[in-house]
Amino acid sequence: MKLLKLRTLGVLCAAFTAASAMAQTVTLRLHHFLPPQATIPANAITPWAKKIEEESQGRLRVQIFPAMQMGGTPPQLYDQAKDGVVDVIWTVLGYTPNRFVRTEVFEIPFIAPSGPGAAEATSKAAWEFVQKHASEEFRDVKLLAVHTHGPGLFHTRNPITHLESLRGMKIRGGTRIVNNMLVKLGATPVGMPVPAVTEALSRGVIDGTTIPWEVAPSVKVTEIVKNHTAFSGDKGLYNMAFAFAMNRNTYDRLPADLKKVIDNNSGLELSAAFGRAMDQGDKAAYEEARKTGNNIVVLGEAETRRFLETAASVEADWVNEMRGRGIDGAKLAAEARALIAKHSGK
């Protein structure tokens, strides 16, 4: 009888523990570097947070801290997720140089497409590429999504009408690959995260910046400068890669059903959704600049070819550097192009 009672008590304790786990409410602290009205925070991160809250029936809650409200700088975001300072982050991978070297392939000039759906297609390619070739670069976190923005372009005080226009211009570049491209094109690169662009332009520290259309309104670029230069053809000047990532221990401690909610809202489709938000943001910001009366220059095919040919050595530099690390960069670039073509339907 005593043994039966002990067994019954054990079953009840196990049931209570399981019920407690099922009732557990977890608040995820999500940190990023842009204001809440910017494209990804407003149209990708917030919808994701609402979706996991709904699908978990309120047992997962997300507390969003925009614009580095939890401290630190944008280059520190990835480590904040890795070290458990926060639970989830969104950041530019190139803000931490020499760390995500395989994934840098998506920053190579003119590797990614332009036009409708460009960011969505490239984001799908980026996710698939990471799963095949670069998963070890993210082994310290639970990777939720990898994506890119749409085609980057120049936003400057003075118009860029040909390659020589860039000579002597101090242009913000967001990553080491983009900075190398600017050097090849004749500009003086000034490295800084995008939140610093507003003040740098206002104070005349830089003459212009490389960013995609979508982020320009949130950092007031289209108010400060009035010239925007894009390129003809089916390729964009450059792209940057982003990660949406979760602290590994935070994920591992979740009960199985909440892990499933996270898993169901991660991966290829989430990466595509982030890219799709970028595409929509590009379109809206372009229209805003056009209606404002800003000068929008699209360089013709011949001048675009000059930029492409001048920037081509950036890829050669990267491939040579990868070779020194024991990585076949040429193979990775070919694979990235093939995946982009696959997801672009070409």
Protein backbone atom coordinates (compact mmCIF):
# COMPACT_ATOMS: atom_id res chain seq x y z
CA MET A 1 0.00 0.00 0.00
CA LYS A 2 2.83 2.41 0.91
CA LEU A 3 4.59 1.65 -2.42
CA LEU A 4 1.35 2.32 -4.30
CA LYS A 5 0.97 5.67 -2.57
CA LEU A 6 4.54 6.63 -3.46
CA ARG A 7 3.96 5.68 -7.09
CA THR A 8 0.74 7.66 -7.13
CA LEU A 9 2.52 10.65 -5.64
CA GLY A 10 5.26 10.34 -8.25
CA VAL A 11 2.72 10.30 -11.07
CA LEU A 12 0.97 13.32 -9.62
CA CYS A 13 4.28 15.22 -9.30
CA ALA A 14 5.20 14.37 -12.89
CA ALA A 15 1.79 15.49 -14.07
CA PHE A 16 2.09 18.72 -12.08
CA THR A 17 5.56 19.37 -13.53
CA ALA A 18 4.29 18.74 -17.07
CA ALA A 19 1.28 20.99 -16.47
CA SER A 20 3.56 23.71 -15.09
CA ALA A 21 5.76 23.48 -18.18
CA MET A 22 2.72 23.68 -20.43
CA ALA A 23 1.53 26.76 -18.54
CA GLN A 24 4.93 28.43 -18.66
CA THR A 25 4.99 31.97 -20.03
CA VAL A 26 8.26 33.13 -21.57
CA THR A 27 9.06 36.75 -22.40
CA LEU A 28 11.64 37.19 -25.16
CA ARG A 29 13.64 40.41 -25.17
CA LEU A 30 14.21 41.39 -28.80
CA HIS A 31 16.86 44.01 -29.57
CA HIS A 32 17.67 45.79 -32.85
CA PHE A 33 19.27 48.99 -34.12
CA LEU A 34 16.59 50.85 -36.10
CA PRO A 35 13.62 53.00 -35.04
CA PRO A 36 10.33 51.10 -34.80
CA GLN A 37 8.87 52.74 -37.92
CA ALA A 38 11.64 51.42 -40.19
CA THR A 39 10.76 48.73 -42.69
CA ILE A 40 11.95 45.56 -40.97
CA PRO A 41 10.93 46.53 -37.43
CA ALA A 42 7.45 47.61 -38.55
CA ASN A 43 6.72 45.10 -41.31
CA ALA A 44 8.67 41.98 -40.39
CA ILE A 45 9.75 41.89 -36.73
CA THR A 46 6.47 43.12 -35.22
CA PRO A 47 4.33 40.75 -37.34
CA TRP A 48 6.62 37.87 -36.36
CA ALA A 49 6.27 38.74 -32.67
CA LYS A 50 2.48 38.91 -32.92
CA LYS A 51 2.35 35.61 -34.79
CA ILE A 52 4.35 33.63 -32.23
CA GLU A 53 2.34 35.19 -29.41
CA GLU A 54 -0.90 34.09 -31.10
CA GLU A 55 0.32 30.61 -32.02
CA SER A 56 1.58 30.02 -28.48
CA GLN A 57 -1.74 31.25 -27.06
CA GLY A 58 0.08 33.98 -25.19
CA ARG A 59 2.71 31.73 -23.60
CA LEU A 60 5.41 33.35 -25.71
CA ARG A 61 5.59 37.10 -25.38
CA VAL A 62 7.98 39.43 -27.15
CA GLN A 63 9.25 42.68 -25.69
CA ILE A 64 10.85 44.70 -28.48
CA PHE A 65 13.63 47.18 -27.78
CA PRO A 66 14.34 49.26 -30.92
CA ALA A 67 17.19 51.66 -31.65
CA MET A 68 19.67 49.97 -29.26
CA GLN A 69 17.54 50.78 -26.21
CA MET A 70 19.16 47.97 -24.23
CA GLY A 71 22.59 49.47 -24.72
CA GLY A 72 25.64 48.71 -26.75
CA THR A 73 26.26 49.39 -30.42
CA PRO A 74 24.92 47.67 -33.56
CA PRO A 75 28.15 45.66 -34.04
CA GLN A 76 27.60 44.15 -30.58
CA LEU A 77 24.11 42.81 -31.28
CA TYR A 78 25.12 39.35 -32.46
CA ASP A 79 27.20 38.78 -29.33
CA GLN A 80 24.33 40.04 -27.19
CA ALA A 81 22.27 37.14 -28.53
CA LYS A 82 25.15 34.66 -28.31
CA ASP A 83 25.95 35.61 -24.70
CA GLY A 84 22.35 35.84 -23.49
CA VAL A 85 22.34 39.58 -22.81
CA VAL A 86 19.13 39.54 -24.86
CA ASP A 87 17.04 36.70 -26.28
CA VAL A 88 16.59 37.70 -29.94
CA ILE A 89 18.42 40.15 -32.20
CA TRP A 90 18.26 41.46 -35.74
CA THR A 91 21.48 42.81 -37.21
CA VAL A 92 23.69 43.33 -40.24
CA LEU A 93 26.24 40.54 -40.45
CA GLY A 94 28.86 42.81 -41.95
CA TYR A 95 28.88 44.94 -38.81
CA THR A 96 31.17 42.28 -37.32
CA PRO A 97 33.93 41.93 -39.96
CA ASN A 98 35.79 38.66 -40.61
CA ARG A 99 33.20 36.64 -38.73
CA PHE A 100 30.66 35.60 -41.36
CA VAL A 101 33.10 35.36 -44.23
CA ARG A 102 31.21 32.78 -46.29
CA THR A 103 27.94 34.68 -46.04
CA GLU A 104 29.77 37.82 -47.25
CA VAL A 105 29.46 36.39 -50.75
CA PHE A 106 26.06 38.11 -51.02
CA GLU A 107 27.75 41.52 -50.69
CA ILE A 108 29.83 41.09 -53.85
CA PRO A 109 29.01 43.97 -56.23
CA PHE A 110 26.42 43.17 -58.89
CA ILE A 111 25.92 39.58 -57.71
CA ALA A 112 22.28 40.07 -56.68
CA PRO A 113 19.32 41.05 -58.85
CA SER A 114 17.42 44.30 -59.04
CA GLY A 115 13.77 44.83 -59.86
CA PRO A 116 10.55 43.53 -58.30
CA GLY A 117 11.01 40.73 -55.78
CA ALA A 118 14.81 41.05 -55.75
CA ALA A 119 15.23 41.03 -51.97
CA GLU A 120 12.79 38.16 -51.47
CA ALA A 121 14.56 35.98 -54.03
CA THR A 122 18.02 36.79 -52.69
CA SER A 123 16.87 36.20 -49.11
CA LYS A 124 15.64 32.72 -50.01
CA ALA A 125 18.98 32.08 -51.70
CA ALA A 126 20.84 33.36 -48.65
CA TRP A 127 18.96 31.04 -46.27
CA GLU A 128 19.56 28.01 -48.47
CA PHE A 129 23.21 28.99 -48.94
CA VAL A 130 23.78 29.24 -45.17
CA GLN A 131 22.21 25.82 -44.57
CA LYS A 132 24.50 24.26 -47.18
CA HIS A 133 27.74 26.17 -46.75
CA ALA A 134 27.85 28.44 -43.71
CA SER A 135 25.88 26.91 -40.85
CA GLU A 136 29.02 26.73 -38.71
CA GLU A 137 29.21 30.52 -38.75
CA PHE A 138 25.97 30.56 -36.72
CA ARG A 139 26.59 27.59 -34.42
CA ASP A 140 26.48 29.78 -31.29
CA VAL A 141 22.86 30.86 -31.81
CA LYS A 142 19.51 29.55 -32.94
CA LEU A 143 19.28 31.10 -36.40
CA LEU A 144 15.75 32.19 -37.24
CA ALA A 145 16.25 33.90 -40.60
CA VAL A 146 18.90 35.19 -42.97
CA HIS A 147 17.95 37.81 -45.53
CA THR A 148 19.23 40.63 -47.69
CA HIS A 149 17.94 44.04 -48.63
CA GLY A 150 17.13 45.04 -52.19
CA PRO A 151 19.64 46.67 -54.53
CA GLY A 152 21.80 49.27 -52.82
CA LEU A 153 22.34 52.66 -54.40
CA PHE A 154 23.99 56.03 -53.82
CA HIS A 155 22.31 58.91 -51.98
CA THR A 156 24.46 62.02 -52.25
CA ARG A 157 24.56 65.80 -51.91
CA ASN A 158 25.87 66.19 -55.46
CA PRO A 159 24.56 64.06 -58.31
CA ILE A 160 26.46 61.04 -59.61
CA THR A 161 26.15 60.99 -63.38
CA HIS A 162 29.25 58.95 -64.23
CA LEU A 163 32.01 56.99 -62.51
CA GLU A 164 34.25 60.03 -62.14
CA SER A 165 31.57 61.81 -60.06
CA LEU A 166 32.61 59.71 -57.07
CA ARG A 167 36.20 60.95 -56.98
CA GLY A 168 36.85 62.80 -53.75
CA MET A 169 33.43 61.98 -52.29
CA LYS A 170 33.31 60.66 -48.74
CA ILE A 171 30.72 57.89 -48.90
CA ARG A 172 29.42 55.80 -46.03
CA GLY A 173 29.82 52.08 -46.52
CA GLY A 174 28.24 49.60 -44.13
CA THR A 175 30.67 46.68 -44.40
CA ARG A 176 34.25 45.91 -45.36
CA ILE A 177 33.19 44.49 -48.75
CA VAL A 178 31.19 47.62 -49.56
CA ASN A 179 34.06 49.81 -48.39
CA ASN A 180 36.45 47.95 -50.69
CA MET A 181 34.00 48.52 -53.55
CA LEU A 182 33.94 52.25 -52.81
CA VAL A 183 37.73 52.39 -52.95
CA LYS A 184 37.71 50.66 -56.35
CA LEU A 185 35.11 53.16 -57.59
CA GLY A 186 37.26 56.13 -56.54
CA ALA A 187 35.36 57.27 -53.44
CA THR A 188 36.69 57.60 -49.90
CA PRO A 189 34.82 55.07 -47.74
CA VAL A 190 33.67 55.99 -44.27
CA GLY A 191 32.52 52.97 -42.30
CA MET A 192 29.57 53.34 -39.93
CA PRO A 193 26.31 51.57 -39.03
CA VAL A 194 23.24 53.04 -40.67
CA PRO A 195 21.87 54.78 -37.52
CA ALA A 196 24.92 57.08 -37.59
CA VAL A 197 24.22 58.23 -41.16
CA THR A 198 21.69 60.94 -40.26
CA GLU A 199 24.07 62.93 -38.09
CA ALA A 200 27.07 62.29 -40.35
CA LEU A 201 25.21 63.68 -43.38
CA SER A 202 23.78 66.60 -41.42
CA ARG A 203 27.21 67.63 -40.12
CA GLY A 204 28.95 67.17 -43.47
CA VAL A 205 31.13 64.33 -42.20
CA ILE A 206 30.16 62.40 -45.32
CA ASP A 207 29.00 63.50 -48.77
CA GLY A 208 26.66 60.60 -49.27
CA THR A 209 25.78 57.06 -48.32
CA THR A 210 25.17 53.64 -49.80
CA ILE A 211 21.87 52.23 -48.58
CA PRO A 212 18.82 50.67 -50.23
CA TRP A 213 15.71 52.76 -50.76
CA GLU A 214 13.73 51.19 -47.93
CA VAL A 215 15.78 52.53 -45.01
CA ALA A 216 16.24 56.06 -46.40
CA PRO A 217 13.06 57.61 -44.89
CA SER A 218 13.61 56.21 -41.39
CA VAL A 219 17.09 57.77 -41.17
CA LYS A 220 15.95 60.95 -42.99
CA VAL A 221 18.34 60.53 -45.91
CA THR A 222 15.79 61.66 -48.49
CA GLU A 223 15.31 64.86 -46.49
CA ILE A 224 18.99 65.68 -46.11
CA VAL A 225 20.24 64.84 -49.60
CA LYS A 226 18.34 65.21 -52.84
CA ASN A 227 20.27 63.03 -55.30
CA HIS A 228 19.85 59.29 -55.71
CA THR A 229 21.76 57.17 -58.23
CA ALA A 230 20.71 53.67 -59.30
CA PHE A 231 21.78 51.43 -62.16
CA SER A 232 20.22 49.95 -65.28
CA GLY A 233 20.18 46.26 -66.04
CA ASP A 234 19.09 43.31 -63.96
CA LYS A 235 21.73 43.53 -61.21
CA GLY A 236 22.00 45.82 -58.19
CA LEU A 237 25.13 47.65 -57.10
CA TYR A 238 25.49 45.66 -53.86
CA ASN A 239 23.56 43.92 -51.09
CA MET A 240 24.06 43.33 -47.41
CA ALA A 241 23.13 40.25 -45.40
CA PHE A 242 21.18 40.30 -42.12
CA ALA A 243 20.55 37.73 -39.39
CA PHE A 244 17.55 37.29 -37.12
CA ALA A 245 18.85 35.09 -34.31
CA MET A 246 17.94 33.74 -30.89
CA ASN A 247 20.06 32.90 -27.88
CA ARG A 248 20.72 29.15 -27.98
CA ASN A 249 20.06 28.57 -24.26
CA THR A 250 16.80 30.53 -24.39
CA TYR A 251 15.61 28.26 -27.18
CA ASP A 252 16.88 25.04 -25.55
CA ARG A 253 15.05 25.82 -22.28
CA LEU A 254 11.67 26.13 -23.99
CA PRO A 255 9.20 23.26 -23.64
CA ALA A 256 8.77 21.21 -26.80
CA ASP A 257 5.51 22.84 -27.89
CA LEU A 258 6.99 26.34 -27.66
CA LYS A 259 10.09 25.23 -29.54
CA LYS A 260 7.73 24.06 -32.26
CA VAL A 261 6.15 27.53 -32.43
CA ILE A 262 9.60 29.05 -32.94
CA ASP A 263 10.56 26.39 -35.49
CA ASN A 264 7.34 26.92 -37.42
CA ASN A 265 8.17 30.62 -37.67
CA SER A 266 11.80 30.30 -38.71
CA GLY A 267 13.71 29.34 -41.80
CA LEU A 268 13.18 29.82 -45.52
CA GLU A 269 9.69 31.31 -45.33
CA LEU A 270 10.60 33.78 -42.61
CA SER A 271 13.71 34.80 -44.57
CA ALA A 272 11.49 35.33 -47.60
CA ALA A 273 9.06 37.41 -45.55
CA PHE A 274 11.87 39.69 -44.36
CA GLY A 275 13.07 40.07 -47.94
CA ARG A 276 9.53 40.76 -49.13
CA ALA A 277 9.22 43.53 -46.56
CA MET A 278 12.43 45.02 -47.95
CA ASP A 279 11.03 44.94 -51.49
CA GLN A 280 7.85 46.69 -50.39
CA GLY A 281 9.87 49.24 -48.44
CA ASP A 282 12.02 49.97 -51.50
CA LYS A 283 8.95 50.71 -53.59
CA ALA A 284 7.36 52.98 -50.97
CA ALA A 285 10.57 54.94 -50.31
CA TYR A 286 11.24 55.41 -54.01
CA GLU A 287 7.75 56.83 -54.49
CA GLU A 288 8.24 59.15 -51.53
CA ALA A 289 11.49 60.52 -53.00
CA ARG A 290 9.90 60.90 -56.42
CA LYS A 291 6.88 62.78 -55.08
CA THR A 292 9.20 65.02 -53.04
CA GLY A 293 10.90 66.03 -56.27
CA ASN A 294 14.31 64.59 -55.50
CA ASN A 295 16.71 63.99 -58.39
CA ILE A 296 16.65 60.27 -59.22
CA VAL A 297 19.33 59.21 -61.69
CA VAL A 298 19.37 55.79 -63.35
CA LEU A 299 22.69 55.34 -65.10
CA GLY A 300 22.50 53.96 -68.62
CA GLU A 301 23.81 50.60 -69.74
CA ALA A 302 27.24 51.86 -70.82
CA GLU A 303 27.91 53.75 -67.58
CA THR A 304 26.53 50.87 -65.50
CA ARG A 305 28.98 48.58 -67.29
CA ARG A 306 31.85 50.88 -66.30
CA PHE A 307 30.83 50.60 -62.63
CA LEU A 308 30.47 46.83 -62.93
CA GLU A 309 33.86 46.37 -64.60
CA THR A 310 35.62 48.69 -62.13
CA ALA A 311 34.10 46.93 -59.12
CA ALA A 312 34.78 43.43 -60.48
CA SER A 313 38.12 43.18 -58.68
CA VAL A 314 36.26 43.25 -55.34
CA GLU A 315 35.19 39.68 -56.03
CA ALA A 316 38.73 38.69 -56.98
CA ASP A 317 40.02 40.21 -53.73
CA TRP A 318 37.45 38.27 -51.73
CA VAL A 319 38.17 34.99 -53.53
CA ASN A 320 41.91 35.40 -52.89
CA GLU A 321 41.28 36.15 -49.23
CA MET A 322 39.08 33.08 -48.90
CA ARG A 323 41.78 30.97 -50.52
CA GLY A 324 44.13 32.11 -47.77
CA ARG A 325 41.59 30.83 -45.24
CA GLY A 326 41.34 27.47 -46.98
CA ILE A 327 37.90 28.30 -48.42
CA ASP A 328 36.98 27.94 -52.10
CA GLY A 329 35.50 31.41 -52.59
CA ALA A 330 35.02 30.99 -56.34
CA LYS A 331 32.87 27.91 -55.70
CA LEU A 332 30.84 29.75 -53.07
CA ALA A 333 30.26 32.70 -55.43
CA ALA A 334 29.10 30.33 -58.18
CA GLU A 335 26.76 28.60 -55.72
CA ALA A 336 25.33 31.93 -54.52
CA ARG A 337 24.65 32.98 -58.12
CA ALA A 338 23.00 29.63 -58.87
CA LEU A 339 20.74 29.88 -55.81
CA ILE A 340 19.79 33.47 -56.65
CA ALA A 341 18.91 32.38 -60.19
CA LYS A 342 16.89 29.47 -58.79
CA HIS A 343 14.84 31.62 -56.47
CA SER A 344 14.49 34.40 -59.05
CA GLY A 345 12.96 31.89 -61.47
CA LYS A 346 15.76 32.29 -63.99
